[in-house]
Amino acid sequence: MIQQHFWDRWSKDYLAENSVGTSGQKEKNNIQIDDLVLLKDNNIPPLCWKLGRISAMFPGSDNKVRVVNVKTQSGELQRAISKL
């Protein structure tokens, strides 16, 4: 149960603070190459999400990163930043 308590606190405090903002919010730093990320997957519990490292970025027409390549232990994949 301590893991679930930790996850609840971490997801509410840390993740909410660092999530990608909407247009009405203060501008946040774009994701960078070599940043560590968690790969969000709705089919598995959050404590089992994979860890990956950004290897390439693909900005949209507004120069904000929308899609990235992520290197994981099992290979490399392309993900939208909303799934990180």
PDB file of N, CA and C in Angstrom:
ATOM      1  N   MET A   1       0.809  -1.201   0.000  1.00  0.00           N
ATOM      2  CA  MET A   1       0.000   0.000   0.000  1.00  0.00           C
ATOM      3  C   MET A   1       0.851   1.264   0.000  1.00  0.00           C
ATOM      4  N   ILE A   2       2.051   1.158   0.495  1.00  0.00           N
ATOM      5  CA  ILE A   2       2.918   2.331   0.516  1.00  0.00           C
ATOM      6  C   ILE A   2       3.269   2.767  -0.896  1.00  0.00           C
ATOM      7  N   GLN A   3       3.390   1.784  -1.824  1.00  0.00           N
ATOM      8  CA  GLN A   3       3.678   2.128  -3.217  1.00  0.00           C
ATOM      9  C   GLN A   3       2.523   2.920  -3.815  1.00  0.00           C
ATOM     10  N   GLN A   4       1.312   2.508  -3.529  1.00  0.00           N
ATOM     11  CA  GLN A   4       0.146   3.213  -4.067  1.00  0.00           C
ATOM     12  C   GLN A   4       0.055   4.622  -3.494  1.00  0.00           C
ATOM     13  N   HIS A   5       0.350   4.775  -2.212  1.00  0.00           N
ATOM     14  CA  HIS A   5       0.343   6.100  -1.594  1.00  0.00           C
ATOM     15  C   HIS A   5       1.405   6.991  -2.241  1.00  0.00           C
ATOM     16  N   PHE A   6       2.601   6.432  -2.447  1.00  0.00           N
ATOM     17  CA  PHE A   6       3.663   7.187  -3.105  1.00  0.00           C
ATOM     18  C   PHE A   6       3.224   7.611  -4.499  1.00  0.00           C
ATOM     19  N   TRP A   7       2.657   6.673  -5.266  1.00  0.00           N
ATOM     20  CA  TRP A   7       2.223   6.982  -6.629  1.00  0.00           C
ATOM     21  C   TRP A   7       1.153   8.066  -6.627  1.00  0.00           C
ATOM     22  N   ASP A   8       0.185   7.978  -5.735  1.00  0.00           N
ATOM     23  CA  ASP A   8      -0.873   8.992  -5.661  1.00  0.00           C
ATOM     24  C   ASP A   8      -0.290  10.376  -5.413  1.00  0.00           C
ATOM     25  N   ARG A   9       0.595  10.480  -4.438  1.00  0.00           N
ATOM     26  CA  ARG A   9       1.203  11.781  -4.130  1.00  0.00           C
ATOM     27  C   ARG A   9       2.052  12.290  -5.280  1.00  0.00           C
ATOM     28  N   TRP A  10       2.868  11.399  -5.853  1.00  0.00           N
ATOM     29  CA  TRP A  10       3.773  11.796  -6.924  1.00  0.00           C
ATOM     30  C   TRP A  10       2.988  12.242  -8.144  1.00  0.00           C
ATOM     31  N   SER A  11       1.956  11.511  -8.519  1.00  0.00           N
ATOM     32  CA  SER A  11       1.196  11.855  -9.715  1.00  0.00           C
ATOM     33  C   SER A  11       0.411  13.149  -9.520  1.00  0.00           C
ATOM     34  N   LYS A  12      -0.079  13.396  -8.325  1.00  0.00           N
ATOM     35  CA  LYS A  12      -0.835  14.629  -8.081  1.00  0.00           C
ATOM     36  C   LYS A  12       0.076  15.851  -7.985  1.00  0.00           C
ATOM     37  N   ASP A  13       1.200  15.699  -7.329  1.00  0.00           N
ATOM     38  CA  ASP A  13       2.086  16.843  -7.099  1.00  0.00           C
ATOM     39  C   ASP A  13       3.080  17.050  -8.234  1.00  0.00           C
ATOM     40  N   TYR A  14       3.952  16.102  -8.444  1.00  0.00           N
ATOM     41  CA  TYR A  14       5.051  16.270  -9.394  1.00  0.00           C
ATOM     42  C   TYR A  14       4.580  16.243 -10.841  1.00  0.00           C
ATOM     43  N   LEU A  15       3.815  15.243 -11.219  1.00  0.00           N
ATOM     44  CA  LEU A  15       3.395  15.128 -12.614  1.00  0.00           C
ATOM     45  C   LEU A  15       2.500  16.288 -13.032  1.00  0.00           C
ATOM     46  N   ALA A  16       1.589  16.698 -12.171  1.00  0.00           N
ATOM     47  CA  ALA A  16       0.708  17.813 -12.501  1.00  0.00           C
ATOM     48  C   ALA A  16       1.509  19.098 -12.696  1.00  0.00           C
ATOM     49  N   GLU A  17       2.545  19.289 -11.901  1.00  0.00           N
ATOM     50  CA  GLU A  17       3.374  20.486 -12.009  1.00  0.00           C
ATOM     51  C   GLU A  17       4.175  20.516 -13.305  1.00  0.00           C
ATOM     52  N   ASN A  18       4.594  19.349 -13.792  1.00  0.00           N
ATOM     53  CA  ASN A  18       5.461  19.280 -14.963  1.00  0.00           C
ATOM     54  C   ASN A  18       4.757  18.882 -16.243  1.00  0.00           C
ATOM     55  N   SER A  19       3.457  18.771 -16.219  1.00  0.00           N
ATOM     56  CA  SER A  19       2.745  18.360 -17.429  1.00  0.00           C
ATOM     57  C   SER A  19       2.735  19.492 -18.446  1.00  0.00           C
ATOM     58  N   VAL A  20       2.487  19.149 -19.694  1.00  0.00           N
ATOM     59  CA  VAL A  20       2.438  20.131 -20.769  1.00  0.00           C
ATOM     60  C   VAL A  20       1.221  21.016 -20.549  1.00  0.00           C
ATOM     61  N   GLY A  21       1.419  22.327 -20.589  1.00  0.00           N
ATOM     62  CA  GLY A  21       0.340  23.262 -20.314  1.00  0.00           C
ATOM     63  C   GLY A  21      -0.492  23.595 -21.530  1.00  0.00           C
ATOM     64  N   THR A  22      -1.619  24.233 -21.290  1.00  0.00           N
ATOM     65  CA  THR A  22      -2.461  24.695 -22.381  1.00  0.00           C
ATOM     66  C   THR A  22      -2.091  26.126 -22.725  1.00  0.00           C
ATOM     67  N   SER A  23      -2.708  26.672 -23.752  1.00  0.00           N
ATOM     68  CA  SER A  23      -2.326  27.999 -24.240  1.00  0.00           C
ATOM     69  C   SER A  23      -2.534  29.100 -23.203  1.00  0.00           C
ATOM     70  N   GLY A  24      -3.428  28.921 -22.252  1.00  0.00           N
ATOM     71  CA  GLY A  24      -3.692  29.947 -21.255  1.00  0.00           C
ATOM     72  C   GLY A  24      -2.730  29.929 -20.092  1.00  0.00           C
ATOM     73  N   GLN A  25      -1.852  28.954 -20.043  1.00  0.00           N
ATOM     74  CA  GLN A  25      -0.937  28.834 -18.922  1.00  0.00           C
ATOM     75  C   GLN A  25       0.429  29.392 -19.274  1.00  0.00           C
ATOM     76  N   LYS A  26       1.232  29.542 -18.245  1.00  0.00           N
ATOM     77  CA  LYS A  26       2.603  30.019 -18.406  1.00  0.00           C
ATOM     78  C   LYS A  26       3.389  29.058 -19.306  1.00  0.00           C
ATOM     79  N   GLU A  27       4.226  29.603 -20.151  1.00  0.00           N
ATOM     80  CA  GLU A  27       5.055  28.809 -21.073  1.00  0.00           C
ATOM     81  C   GLU A  27       6.021  27.932 -20.286  1.00  0.00           C
ATOM     82  N   LYS A  28       6.101  26.653 -20.636  1.00  0.00           N
ATOM     83  CA  LYS A  28       7.017  25.718 -19.984  1.00  0.00           C
ATOM     84  C   LYS A  28       8.101  25.322 -20.973  1.00  0.00           C
ATOM     85  N   ASN A  29       9.205  24.811 -20.450  1.00  0.00           N
ATOM     86  CA  ASN A  29      10.296  24.355 -21.316  1.00  0.00           C
ATOM     87  C   ASN A  29       9.846  23.161 -22.132  1.00  0.00           C
ATOM     88  N   ASN A  30      10.271  23.132 -23.383  1.00  0.00           N
ATOM     89  CA  ASN A  30      10.012  21.978 -24.230  1.00  0.00           C
ATOM     90  C   ASN A  30      10.847  20.809 -23.728  1.00  0.00           C
ATOM     91  N   ILE A  31      10.416  19.638 -24.059  1.00  0.00           N
ATOM     92  CA  ILE A  31      11.163  18.431 -23.733  1.00  0.00           C
ATOM     93  C   ILE A  31      12.480  18.468 -24.512  1.00  0.00           C
ATOM     94  N   GLN A  32      13.509  17.844 -23.976  1.00  0.00           N
ATOM     95  CA  GLN A  32      14.836  17.882 -24.584  1.00  0.00           C
ATOM     96  C   GLN A  32      15.310  16.465 -24.913  1.00  0.00           C
ATOM     97  N   ILE A  33      16.223  16.346 -25.864  1.00  0.00           N
ATOM     98  CA  ILE A  33      16.858  15.066 -26.145  1.00  0.00           C
ATOM     99  C   ILE A  33      17.628  14.637 -24.900  1.00  0.00           C
ATOM    100  N   ASP A  34      17.597  13.345 -24.604  1.00  0.00           N
ATOM    101  CA  ASP A  34      18.212  12.702 -23.440  1.00  0.00           C
ATOM    102  C   ASP A  34      17.418  12.862 -22.150  1.00  0.00           C
ATOM    103  N   ASP A  35      16.235  13.494 -22.193  1.00  0.00           N
ATOM    104  CA  ASP A  35      15.369  13.539 -21.012  1.00  0.00           C
ATOM    105  C   ASP A  35      14.820  12.143 -20.736  1.00  0.00           C
ATOM    106  N   LEU A  36      14.732  11.788 -19.458  1.00  0.00           N
ATOM    107  CA  LEU A  36      14.104  10.532 -19.067  1.00  0.00           C
ATOM    108  C   LEU A  36      12.606  10.745 -18.946  1.00  0.00           C
ATOM    109  N   VAL A  37      11.829   9.783 -19.433  1.00  0.00           N
ATOM    110  CA  VAL A  37      10.371   9.904 -19.405  1.00  0.00           C
ATOM    111  C   VAL A  37       9.749   8.571 -19.009  1.00  0.00           C
ATOM    112  N   LEU A  38       8.541   8.638 -18.484  1.00  0.00           N
ATOM    113  CA  LEU A  38       7.724   7.454 -18.266  1.00  0.00           C
ATOM    114  C   LEU A  38       6.774   7.327 -19.440  1.00  0.00           C
ATOM    115  N   LEU A  39       6.593   6.115 -19.941  1.00  0.00           N
ATOM    116  CA  LEU A  39       5.694   5.865 -21.061  1.00  0.00           C
ATOM    117  C   LEU A  39       4.333   5.461 -20.514  1.00  0.00           C
ATOM    118  N   LYS A  40       3.385   6.378 -20.597  1.00  0.00           N
ATOM    119  CA  LYS A  40       2.047   6.155 -20.069  1.00  0.00           C
ATOM    120  C   LYS A  40       1.350   5.063 -20.874  1.00  0.00           C
ATOM    121  N   ASP A  41       0.741   4.109 -20.167  1.00  0.00           N
ATOM    122  CA  ASP A  41       0.000   3.022 -20.811  1.00  0.00           C
ATOM    123  C   ASP A  41      -1.247   2.750 -19.978  1.00  0.00           C
ATOM    124  N   ASN A  42      -2.418   2.986 -20.565  1.00  0.00           N
ATOM    125  CA  ASN A  42      -3.671   2.837 -19.831  1.00  0.00           C
ATOM    126  C   ASN A  42      -4.016   1.386 -19.515  1.00  0.00           C
ATOM    127  N   ASN A  43      -3.315   0.433 -20.131  1.00  0.00           N
ATOM    128  CA  ASN A  43      -3.624  -0.980 -19.925  1.00  0.00           C
ATOM    129  C   ASN A  43      -2.835  -1.631 -18.792  1.00  0.00           C
ATOM    130  N   ILE A  44      -1.893  -0.893 -18.213  1.00  0.00           N
ATOM    131  CA  ILE A  44      -1.118  -1.446 -17.101  1.00  0.00           C
ATOM    132  C   ILE A  44      -1.084  -0.423 -15.964  1.00  0.00           C
ATOM    133  N   PRO A  45      -0.863  -0.889 -14.726  1.00  0.00           N
ATOM    134  CA  PRO A  45      -0.811   0.043 -13.589  1.00  0.00           C
ATOM    135  C   PRO A  45       0.366   1.009 -13.716  1.00  0.00           C
ATOM    136  N   PRO A  46       0.214   2.224 -13.215  1.00  0.00           N
ATOM    137  CA  PRO A  46       1.283   3.228 -13.326  1.00  0.00           C
ATOM    138  C   PRO A  46       2.630   2.781 -12.772  1.00  0.00           C
ATOM    139  N   LEU A  47       2.635   1.944 -11.737  1.00  0.00           N
ATOM    140  CA  LEU A  47       3.915   1.493 -11.187  1.00  0.00           C
ATOM    141  C   LEU A  47       4.666   0.578 -12.137  1.00  0.00           C
ATOM    142  N   CYS A  48       4.021   0.111 -13.192  1.00  0.00           N
ATOM    143  CA  CYS A  48       4.649  -0.786 -14.176  1.00  0.00           C
ATOM    144  C   CYS A  48       4.973  -0.087 -15.490  1.00  0.00           C
ATOM    145  N   TRP A  49       4.748   1.222 -15.582  1.00  0.00           N
ATOM    146  CA  TRP A  49       5.044   1.936 -16.816  1.00  0.00           C
ATOM    147  C   TRP A  49       6.540   1.855 -17.119  1.00  0.00           C
ATOM    148  N   LYS A  50       6.866   1.794 -18.411  1.00  0.00           N
ATOM    149  CA  LYS A  50       8.266   1.704 -18.838  1.00  0.00           C
ATOM    150  C   LYS A  50       8.958   3.058 -18.723  1.00  0.00           C
ATOM    151  N   LEU A  51      10.251   2.992 -18.543  1.00  0.00           N
ATOM    152  CA  LEU A  51      11.098   4.173 -18.513  1.00  0.00           C
ATOM    153  C   LEU A  51      11.832   4.253 -19.842  1.00  0.00           C
ATOM    154  N   GLY A  52      11.962   5.446 -20.386  1.00  0.00           N
ATOM    155  CA  GLY A  52      12.660   5.626 -21.649  1.00  0.00           C
ATOM    156  C   GLY A  52      13.434   6.922 -21.688  1.00  0.00           C
ATOM    157  N   ARG A  53      14.244   7.070 -22.725  1.00  0.00           N
ATOM    158  CA  ARG A  53      15.044   8.287 -22.911  1.00  0.00           C
ATOM    159  C   ARG A  53      14.741   8.851 -24.293  1.00  0.00           C
ATOM    160  N   ILE A  54      14.501  10.161 -24.366  1.00  0.00           N
ATOM    161  CA  ILE A  54      14.206  10.832 -25.633  1.00  0.00           C
ATOM    162  C   ILE A  54      15.440  10.768 -26.529  1.00  0.00           C
ATOM    163  N   SER A  55      15.253  10.264 -27.768  1.00  0.00           N
ATOM    164  CA  SER A  55      16.387  10.173 -28.694  1.00  0.00           C
ATOM    165  C   SER A  55      16.230  11.100 -29.896  1.00  0.00           C
ATOM    166  N   ALA A  56      15.002  11.513 -30.215  1.00  0.00           N
ATOM    167  CA  ALA A  56      14.765  12.453 -31.319  1.00  0.00           C
ATOM    168  C   ALA A  56      13.445  13.173 -31.058  1.00  0.00           C
ATOM    169  N   MET A  57      13.338  14.397 -31.586  1.00  0.00           N
ATOM    170  CA  MET A  57      12.132  15.205 -31.394  1.00  0.00           C
ATOM    171  C   MET A  57      11.587  15.649 -32.739  1.00  0.00           C
ATOM    172  N   PHE A  58      10.264  15.789 -32.814  1.00  0.00           N
ATOM    173  CA  PHE A  58       9.603  16.221 -34.031  1.00  0.00           C
ATOM    174  C   PHE A  58       8.642  17.358 -33.698  1.00  0.00           C
ATOM    175  N   PRO A  59       9.082  18.615 -33.867  1.00  0.00           N
ATOM    176  CA  PRO A  59       8.227  19.761 -33.523  1.00  0.00           C
ATOM    177  C   PRO A  59       7.116  19.962 -34.549  1.00  0.00           C
ATOM    178  N   GLY A  60       6.027  20.563 -34.080  1.00  0.00           N
ATOM    179  CA  GLY A  60       4.920  20.912 -34.957  1.00  0.00           C
ATOM    180  C   GLY A  60       5.179  22.245 -35.634  1.00  0.00           C
ATOM    181  N   SER A  61       4.186  22.760 -36.327  1.00  0.00           N
ATOM    182  CA  SER A  61       4.333  24.035 -37.048  1.00  0.00           C
ATOM    183  C   SER A  61       4.544  25.215 -36.100  1.00  0.00           C
ATOM    184  N   ASP A  62       4.173  25.052 -34.829  1.00  0.00           N
ATOM    185  CA  ASP A  62       4.363  26.119 -33.839  1.00  0.00           C
ATOM    186  C   ASP A  62       5.693  25.980 -33.085  1.00  0.00           C
ATOM    187  N   ASN A  63       6.573  25.094 -33.566  1.00  0.00           N
ATOM    188  CA  ASN A  63       7.890  24.835 -32.971  1.00  0.00           C
ATOM    189  C   ASN A  63       7.823  24.197 -31.583  1.00  0.00           C
ATOM    190  N   LYS A  64       6.679  23.652 -31.209  1.00  0.00           N
ATOM    191  CA  LYS A  64       6.564  22.904 -29.959  1.00  0.00           C
ATOM    192  C   LYS A  64       6.622  21.426 -30.295  1.00  0.00           C
ATOM    193  N   VAL A  65       7.353  20.695 -29.498  1.00  0.00           N
ATOM    194  CA  VAL A  65       7.517  19.269 -29.751  1.00  0.00           C
ATOM    195  C   VAL A  65       6.193  18.564 -29.526  1.00  0.00           C
ATOM    196  N   ARG A  66       5.782  17.780 -30.512  1.00  0.00           N
ATOM    197  CA  ARG A  66       4.524  17.033 -30.443  1.00  0.00           C
ATOM    198  C   ARG A  66       4.758  15.534 -30.391  1.00  0.00           C
ATOM    199  N   VAL A  67       5.821  15.056 -31.051  1.00  0.00           N
ATOM    200  CA  VAL A  67       6.132  13.635 -31.156  1.00  0.00           C
ATOM    201  C   VAL A  67       7.617  13.449 -30.903  1.00  0.00           C
ATOM    202  N   VAL A  68       7.961  12.348 -30.236  1.00  0.00           N
ATOM    203  CA  VAL A  68       9.367  12.056 -29.946  1.00  0.00           C
ATOM    204  C   VAL A  68       9.655  10.582 -30.213  1.00  0.00           C
ATOM    205  N   ASN A  69      10.916  10.279 -30.469  1.00  0.00           N
ATOM    206  CA  ASN A  69      11.389   8.898 -30.455  1.00  0.00           C
ATOM    207  C   ASN A  69      11.914   8.630 -29.061  1.00  0.00           C
ATOM    208  N   VAL A  70      11.559   7.480 -28.513  1.00  0.00           N
ATOM    209  CA  VAL A  70      11.968   7.115 -27.156  1.00  0.00           C
ATOM    210  C   VAL A  70      12.703   5.784 -27.206  1.00  0.00           C
ATOM    211  N   LYS A  71      13.901   5.762 -26.629  1.00  0.00           N
ATOM    212  CA  LYS A  71      14.666   4.530 -26.507  1.00  0.00           C
ATOM    213  C   LYS A  71      14.310   3.881 -25.190  1.00  0.00           C
ATOM    214  N   THR A  72      13.878   2.621 -25.255  1.00  0.00           N
ATOM    215  CA  THR A  72      13.564   1.860 -24.047  1.00  0.00           C
ATOM    216  C   THR A  72      14.474   0.649 -23.984  1.00  0.00           C
ATOM    217  N   GLN A  73      14.326  -0.118 -22.945  1.00  0.00           N
ATOM    218  CA  GLN A  73      15.119  -1.326 -22.777  1.00  0.00           C
ATOM    219  C   GLN A  73      14.811  -2.330 -23.884  1.00  0.00           C
ATOM    220  N   SER A  74      13.578  -2.302 -24.410  1.00  0.00           N
ATOM    221  CA  SER A  74      13.185  -3.286 -25.420  1.00  0.00           C
ATOM    222  C   SER A  74      13.267  -2.758 -26.846  1.00  0.00           C
ATOM    223  N   GLY A  75      13.731  -1.535 -27.053  1.00  0.00           N
ATOM    224  CA  GLY A  75      13.860  -0.991 -28.404  1.00  0.00           C
ATOM    225  C   GLY A  75      13.510   0.481 -28.459  1.00  0.00           C
ATOM    226  N   GLU A  76      13.285   0.961 -29.666  1.00  0.00           N
ATOM    227  CA  GLU A  76      12.960   2.378 -29.861  1.00  0.00           C
ATOM    228  C   GLU A  76      11.568   2.491 -30.464  1.00  0.00           C
ATOM    229  N   LEU A  77      10.799   3.479 -29.990  1.00  0.00           N
ATOM    230  CA  LEU A  77       9.462   3.691 -30.515  1.00  0.00           C
ATOM    231  C   LEU A  77       9.158   5.165 -30.599  1.00  0.00           C
ATOM    232  N   GLN A  78       8.120   5.497 -31.359  1.00  0.00           N
ATOM    233  CA  GLN A  78       7.701   6.877 -31.536  1.00  0.00           C
ATOM    234  C   GLN A  78       6.426   7.102 -30.740  1.00  0.00           C
ATOM    235  N   ARG A  79       6.386   8.187 -29.967  1.00  0.00           N
ATOM    236  CA  ARG A  79       5.248   8.473 -29.097  1.00  0.00           C
ATOM    237  C   ARG A  79       4.907   9.953 -29.135  1.00  0.00           C
ATOM    238  N   ALA A  80       3.620  10.236 -29.016  1.00  0.00           N
ATOM    239  CA  ALA A  80       3.176  11.621 -28.819  1.00  0.00           C
ATOM    240  C   ALA A  80       3.535  12.020 -27.390  1.00  0.00           C
ATOM    241  N   ILE A  81       3.874  13.281 -27.176  1.00  0.00           N
ATOM    242  CA  ILE A  81       4.283  13.683 -25.811  1.00  0.00           C
ATOM    243  C   ILE A  81       3.125  13.583 -24.835  1.00  0.00           C
ATOM    244  N   SER A  82       1.897  13.560 -25.303  1.00  0.00           N
ATOM    245  CA  SER A  82       0.765  13.394 -24.396  1.00  0.00           C
ATOM    246  C   SER A  82       0.747  12.001 -23.782  1.00  0.00           C
ATOM    247  N   LYS A  83       1.492  11.064 -24.341  1.00  0.00           N
ATOM    248  CA  LYS A  83       1.565   9.698 -23.812  1.00  0.00           C
ATOM    249  C   LYS A  83       2.828   9.492 -22.964  1.00  0.00           C
ATOM    250  N   LEU A  84       3.478  10.579 -22.589  1.00  0.00           N
ATOM    251  CA  LEU A  84       4.680  10.491 -21.743  1.00  0.00           C
ATOM    252  C   LEU A  84       4.351  10.975 -20.349  1.00  0.00           C
TER     253      LEU A  84
END
